[in-house]
């Protein structure tokens, strides 16, 4: 059996699948949305972890499954949202900055005015926008004293750390940070330098289909064996596995994904 964790923007869903791909158990729970001021959106990382653990246990109970019999755990997640935590104690140093958060809009305007957007587009395929993770990391490092010694990661990385103790992410989530060279599949040193981000404090980027470690959280030692950001996971789930395969998520505003050749392709449009 496989436990699938879908950690979304407003709640966590867990499904248990059998070897034939049939859903044997499911559970869902929401968590708090925090709005410190207009345009700012935050989540409590500890609450996300607690809710995800509880929902996973409920899904396993619904499936009448022995947690020790799980073959693997997979994770899909809201993308771009950033968590900063103490690498030694494992505690968050601030609320997570959610992908919807706009507090770094002026900073993105400054970077654009300084002529940095072509570099961002060339290396990452993205545009300069506070939607992505990079300026959120910069904001935390500049404004939260405890973040100066913290490590950073998207929500998948936070869950992997809590499950396995490893600081890692997958390439689909890394590609949404505005710090990842999608051609070389590594953190880009020029973009990290531009935003004052130490590469050593970012998670190790790994393939989506990969054993990230094992966890005993649910009984036994179960491998965490797959991660993909929610939109890319949906693209794969809709069987768009050949170039030009296309899907759109009606529940996420204007969220469209398209499969491309391994060499990539360029769009003349300015989009995300």
Protein backbone atom coordinates (compact mmCIF):
# COMPACT_ATOMS: atom_id res chain seq x y z
CA UNK A 1 0.00 0.00 0.00
CA UNK A 2 1.01 3.60 -0.60
CA UNK A 3 0.21 6.62 1.56
CA UNK A 4 -0.18 9.76 -0.54
CA UNK A 5 0.10 13.10 1.27
CA UNK A 6 -1.40 16.13 -0.48
CA UNK A 7 -0.44 19.16 1.58
CA UNK A 8 -2.45 22.05 0.11
CA UNK A 9 -2.93 25.74 0.77
CA UNK A 10 -5.98 25.39 3.02
CA UNK A 11 -5.72 21.81 4.24
CA UNK A 12 -4.06 18.41 4.10
CA UNK A 13 -5.51 15.36 2.35
CA UNK A 14 -4.17 11.83 2.70
CA UNK A 15 -5.13 8.84 0.57
CA UNK A 16 -4.18 5.19 0.94
CA UNK A 17 -3.89 3.23 -2.32
CA UNK A 18 -3.65 -0.52 -2.73
CA UNK A 19 -1.46 -2.29 -5.32
CA UNK A 20 -4.20 -1.99 -7.96
CA UNK A 21 -4.36 1.77 -7.53
CA UNK A 22 -7.71 1.72 -5.71
CA UNK A 23 -8.36 4.18 -2.89
CA UNK A 24 -8.72 2.24 0.36
CA UNK A 25 -8.75 5.12 2.83
CA UNK A 26 -8.90 8.89 2.92
CA UNK A 27 -8.98 11.81 5.35
CA UNK A 28 -8.83 15.60 5.21
CA UNK A 29 -8.44 18.51 7.61
CA UNK A 30 -8.03 22.25 7.22
CA UNK A 31 -5.61 24.48 9.11
CA UNK A 32 -5.42 28.18 9.97
CA UNK A 33 -4.85 30.95 7.45
CA UNK A 34 -2.92 33.83 9.03
CA UNK A 35 -3.18 37.40 7.67
CA UNK A 36 -0.88 39.72 9.69
CA UNK A 37 -1.69 42.67 7.43
CA UNK A 38 -3.22 43.28 3.98
CA UNK A 39 -1.34 41.32 1.31
CA UNK A 40 0.53 39.16 3.83
CA UNK A 41 -0.38 35.45 4.10
CA UNK A 42 1.23 33.01 6.52
CA UNK A 43 0.88 29.43 7.79
CA UNK A 44 2.08 27.85 11.02
CA UNK A 45 4.55 25.12 9.95
CA UNK A 46 4.08 23.18 13.18
CA UNK A 47 0.32 23.15 12.64
CA UNK A 48 0.80 21.91 9.07
CA UNK A 49 2.97 19.07 10.37
CA UNK A 50 0.53 18.20 13.16
CA UNK A 51 -2.48 18.24 10.83
CA UNK A 52 -0.65 16.16 8.21
CA UNK A 53 0.36 13.53 10.78
CA UNK A 54 -3.18 13.35 12.15
CA UNK A 55 -4.80 13.12 8.72
CA UNK A 56 -2.36 10.40 7.65
CA UNK A 57 -3.24 8.36 10.74
CA UNK A 58 -6.96 8.79 10.04
CA UNK A 59 -6.53 7.73 6.40
CA UNK A 60 -4.65 4.60 7.48
CA UNK A 61 -7.37 3.82 10.00
CA UNK A 62 -10.04 4.37 7.34
CA UNK A 63 -8.19 1.87 5.12
CA UNK A 64 -7.89 -0.58 8.03
CA UNK A 65 -4.23 -0.73 7.11
CA UNK A 66 -1.34 -1.71 9.32
CA UNK A 67 1.02 1.29 9.01
CA UNK A 68 3.99 -1.06 9.14
CA UNK A 69 2.73 -2.69 5.93
CA UNK A 70 3.07 0.51 3.89
CA UNK A 71 5.35 0.13 0.87
CA UNK A 72 6.03 3.85 0.42
CA UNK A 73 4.92 7.41 1.11
CA UNK A 74 4.55 10.05 -1.59
CA UNK A 75 4.16 13.80 -1.14
CA UNK A 76 2.57 16.49 -3.25
CA UNK A 77 2.25 20.02 -1.97
CA UNK A 78 1.43 23.67 -2.37
CA UNK A 79 4.43 25.16 -4.12
CA UNK A 80 6.52 28.32 -3.48
CA UNK A 81 5.50 28.61 0.20
CA UNK A 82 8.66 28.94 2.29
CA UNK A 83 9.52 27.62 5.76
CA UNK A 84 12.62 28.66 7.74
CA UNK A 85 13.70 26.40 10.58
CA UNK A 86 16.56 25.77 13.00
CA UNK A 87 18.57 22.89 11.50
CA UNK A 88 19.60 21.65 14.94
CA UNK A 89 16.39 21.87 16.95
CA UNK A 90 14.09 21.44 13.97
CA UNK A 91 11.76 24.24 15.05
CA UNK A 92 10.45 26.93 12.69
CA UNK A 93 11.84 30.40 13.34
CA UNK A 94 8.83 32.18 11.78
CA UNK A 95 5.52 31.40 10.18
CA UNK A 96 5.73 30.09 6.62
CA UNK A 97 5.36 32.77 3.93
CA UNK A 98 2.65 31.47 1.60
CA UNK A 99 2.76 31.63 -2.20
CA UNK A 100 -0.09 34.18 -2.07
CA UNK A 101 1.97 36.58 0.07
CA UNK A 102 2.74 39.90 -1.65
CA UNK A 103 5.01 41.60 0.90
CA UNK A 104 8.00 41.52 -1.47
CA UNK A 105 6.22 43.13 -4.44
CA UNK A 106 8.25 46.34 -4.15
CA UNK A 107 11.48 44.37 -3.95
CA UNK A 108 10.57 42.57 -7.18
CA UNK A 109 9.89 45.94 -8.79
CA UNK A 110 13.36 47.11 -7.70
CA UNK A 111 15.03 44.02 -9.17
CA UNK A 112 13.10 44.43 -12.42
CA UNK A 113 14.03 48.10 -12.66
CA UNK A 114 17.67 47.16 -12.12
CA UNK A 115 17.50 44.91 -15.18
CA UNK A 116 17.63 41.50 -13.49
CA UNK A 117 14.53 39.92 -15.01
CA UNK A 118 16.25 38.58 -18.18
CA UNK A 119 18.68 36.60 -16.00
CA UNK A 120 15.80 35.23 -13.93
CA UNK A 121 13.90 34.16 -17.05
CA UNK A 122 16.97 32.62 -18.67
CA UNK A 123 17.95 30.50 -15.68
CA UNK A 124 14.58 29.67 -14.10
CA UNK A 125 11.92 30.12 -16.81
CA UNK A 126 10.04 32.36 -14.37
CA UNK A 127 9.33 36.07 -14.14
CA UNK A 128 10.24 38.33 -11.23
CA UNK A 129 7.26 38.06 -8.93
CA UNK A 130 6.66 37.75 -5.15
CA UNK A 131 4.62 34.63 -5.93
CA UNK A 132 7.90 32.70 -6.06
CA UNK A 133 10.09 31.80 -3.10
CA UNK A 134 13.32 33.73 -3.63
CA UNK A 135 12.32 37.16 -2.34
CA UNK A 136 10.44 35.52 0.53
CA UNK A 137 13.70 33.88 1.63
CA UNK A 138 15.50 37.20 1.29
CA UNK A 139 12.79 38.93 3.36
CA UNK A 140 13.07 36.34 6.14
CA UNK A 141 16.87 36.59 6.22
CA UNK A 142 16.70 40.39 6.40
CA UNK A 143 13.83 40.79 8.85
CA UNK A 144 13.84 37.79 11.19
CA UNK A 145 16.95 37.59 13.36
CA UNK A 146 16.58 33.85 14.01
CA UNK A 147 16.38 33.20 10.27
CA UNK A 148 19.99 34.25 9.82
CA UNK A 149 21.08 30.83 11.06
CA UNK A 150 18.14 28.92 9.65
CA UNK A 151 17.73 26.60 6.70
CA UNK A 152 14.97 27.13 4.16
CA UNK A 153 12.66 24.91 2.19
CA UNK A 154 9.32 24.62 0.47
CA UNK A 155 6.55 22.66 2.18
CA UNK A 156 7.69 19.32 0.74
CA UNK A 157 11.13 19.97 2.16
CA UNK A 158 9.65 20.76 5.59
CA UNK A 159 7.64 17.51 5.58
CA UNK A 160 10.63 15.47 4.39
CA UNK A 161 12.71 16.96 7.21
CA UNK A 162 10.06 16.11 9.80
CA UNK A 163 9.61 12.61 8.40
CA UNK A 164 13.22 11.63 7.71
CA UNK A 165 15.53 14.30 9.17
CA UNK A 166 16.90 15.06 5.70
CA UNK A 167 17.05 18.56 4.18
CA UNK A 168 15.98 17.85 0.60
CA UNK A 169 13.47 18.80 -2.07
CA UNK A 170 12.53 17.62 -5.54
CA UNK A 171 13.25 19.42 -8.78
CA UNK A 172 9.62 20.41 -9.43
CA UNK A 173 9.45 22.35 -6.17
CA UNK A 174 12.97 23.72 -6.58
CA UNK A 175 11.98 25.02 -10.01
CA UNK A 176 9.39 27.31 -8.39
CA UNK A 177 11.77 29.12 -6.06
CA UNK A 178 13.26 31.53 -8.64
CA UNK A 179 16.70 30.32 -7.51
CA UNK A 180 16.96 27.07 -9.49
CA UNK A 181 18.66 26.68 -12.85
CA UNK A 182 16.18 24.43 -14.67
CA UNK A 183 18.71 23.65 -17.42
CA UNK A 184 21.53 22.47 -15.15
CA UNK A 185 19.16 21.32 -12.39
CA UNK A 186 21.03 23.00 -9.59
CA UNK A 187 20.80 26.10 -7.43
CA UNK A 188 21.98 29.04 -9.48
CA UNK A 189 24.96 30.79 -7.85
CA UNK A 190 24.29 34.11 -9.59
CA UNK A 191 20.67 34.32 -8.47
CA UNK A 192 21.58 33.19 -4.95
CA UNK A 193 24.25 35.90 -4.81
CA UNK A 194 21.82 38.51 -6.14
CA UNK A 195 19.40 37.82 -3.28
CA UNK A 196 21.97 37.06 -0.59
CA UNK A 197 20.93 33.43 -0.22
CA UNK A 198 23.54 30.91 0.95
CA UNK A 199 23.19 27.77 -1.21
CA UNK A 200 24.25 25.65 1.77
CA UNK A 201 21.03 26.66 3.54
CA UNK A 202 18.84 25.43 0.70
CA UNK A 203 17.64 21.82 0.42
CA UNK A 204 19.39 19.27 -1.76
CA UNK A 205 17.46 19.08 -5.07
CA UNK A 206 16.72 15.48 -6.06
CA UNK A 207 14.62 13.68 -8.72
CA UNK A 208 10.90 13.44 -8.05
CA UNK A 209 11.03 9.62 -8.12
CA UNK A 210 13.65 9.06 -5.45
CA UNK A 211 13.94 7.52 -1.99
CA UNK A 212 14.48 10.54 0.26
CA UNK A 213 14.84 8.48 3.40
CA UNK A 214 12.68 6.41 5.70
CA UNK A 215 10.29 7.32 8.48
CA UNK A 216 8.96 5.55 11.53
CA UNK A 217 6.22 8.12 12.14
CA UNK A 218 3.43 5.71 11.23
CA UNK A 219 4.99 2.43 12.34
CA UNK A 220 7.83 0.45 10.77
CA UNK A 221 10.44 2.06 8.55
CA UNK A 222 8.65 3.29 5.46
CA UNK A 223 10.48 4.94 2.53
CA UNK A 224 9.48 8.42 1.41
CA UNK A 225 9.80 7.59 -2.26
CA UNK A 226 8.32 10.39 -4.33
CA UNK A 227 7.67 14.14 -4.34
CA UNK A 228 6.14 16.51 -6.86
CA UNK A 229 4.66 20.00 -6.61
CA UNK A 230 0.88 19.90 -6.85
CA UNK A 231 0.49 21.23 -10.41
CA UNK A 232 3.25 19.04 -11.84
CA UNK A 233 1.84 16.04 -9.97
CA UNK A 234 -1.59 16.73 -11.48
CA UNK A 235 -0.02 16.97 -14.95
CA UNK A 236 1.53 13.53 -14.50
CA UNK A 237 -1.66 12.15 -12.97
CA UNK A 238 -3.63 13.27 -16.03
CA UNK A 239 -1.22 11.21 -18.16
CA UNK A 240 0.37 14.25 -19.85
CA UNK A 241 3.71 12.50 -20.24
CA UNK A 242 4.58 13.43 -23.80
CA UNK A 243 5.65 16.87 -25.12
CA UNK A 244 2.68 19.23 -25.61
CA UNK A 245 0.49 17.41 -23.08
CA UNK A 246 -1.58 20.13 -21.38
CA UNK A 247 -3.87 20.41 -18.37
CA UNK A 248 -5.55 23.17 -16.38
CA UNK A 249 -6.74 23.08 -12.77
CA UNK A 250 -10.09 24.86 -12.46
CA UNK A 251 -9.82 25.05 -8.66
CA UNK A 252 -6.51 26.96 -8.75
CA UNK A 253 -6.78 30.31 -10.56
CA UNK A 254 -5.15 30.16 -14.00
CA UNK A 255 -3.05 27.13 -13.07
CA UNK A 256 -2.01 25.50 -16.33
CA UNK A 257 0.85 23.09 -16.99
CA UNK A 258 2.31 21.70 -20.18
CA UNK A 259 4.78 18.89 -20.78
CA UNK A 260 7.87 20.04 -22.70
CA UNK A 261 10.79 18.27 -24.37
CA UNK A 262 13.80 17.59 -22.17
CA UNK A 263 15.56 20.48 -23.92
CA UNK A 264 12.79 22.85 -22.80
CA UNK A 265 11.03 25.50 -24.85
CA UNK A 266 10.60 29.25 -24.64
CA UNK A 267 7.35 31.18 -24.59
CA UNK A 268 7.16 34.71 -26.00
CA UNK A 269 4.50 35.51 -23.39
CA UNK A 270 5.35 37.07 -20.04
CA UNK A 271 3.79 34.66 -17.56
CA UNK A 272 4.49 32.47 -14.58
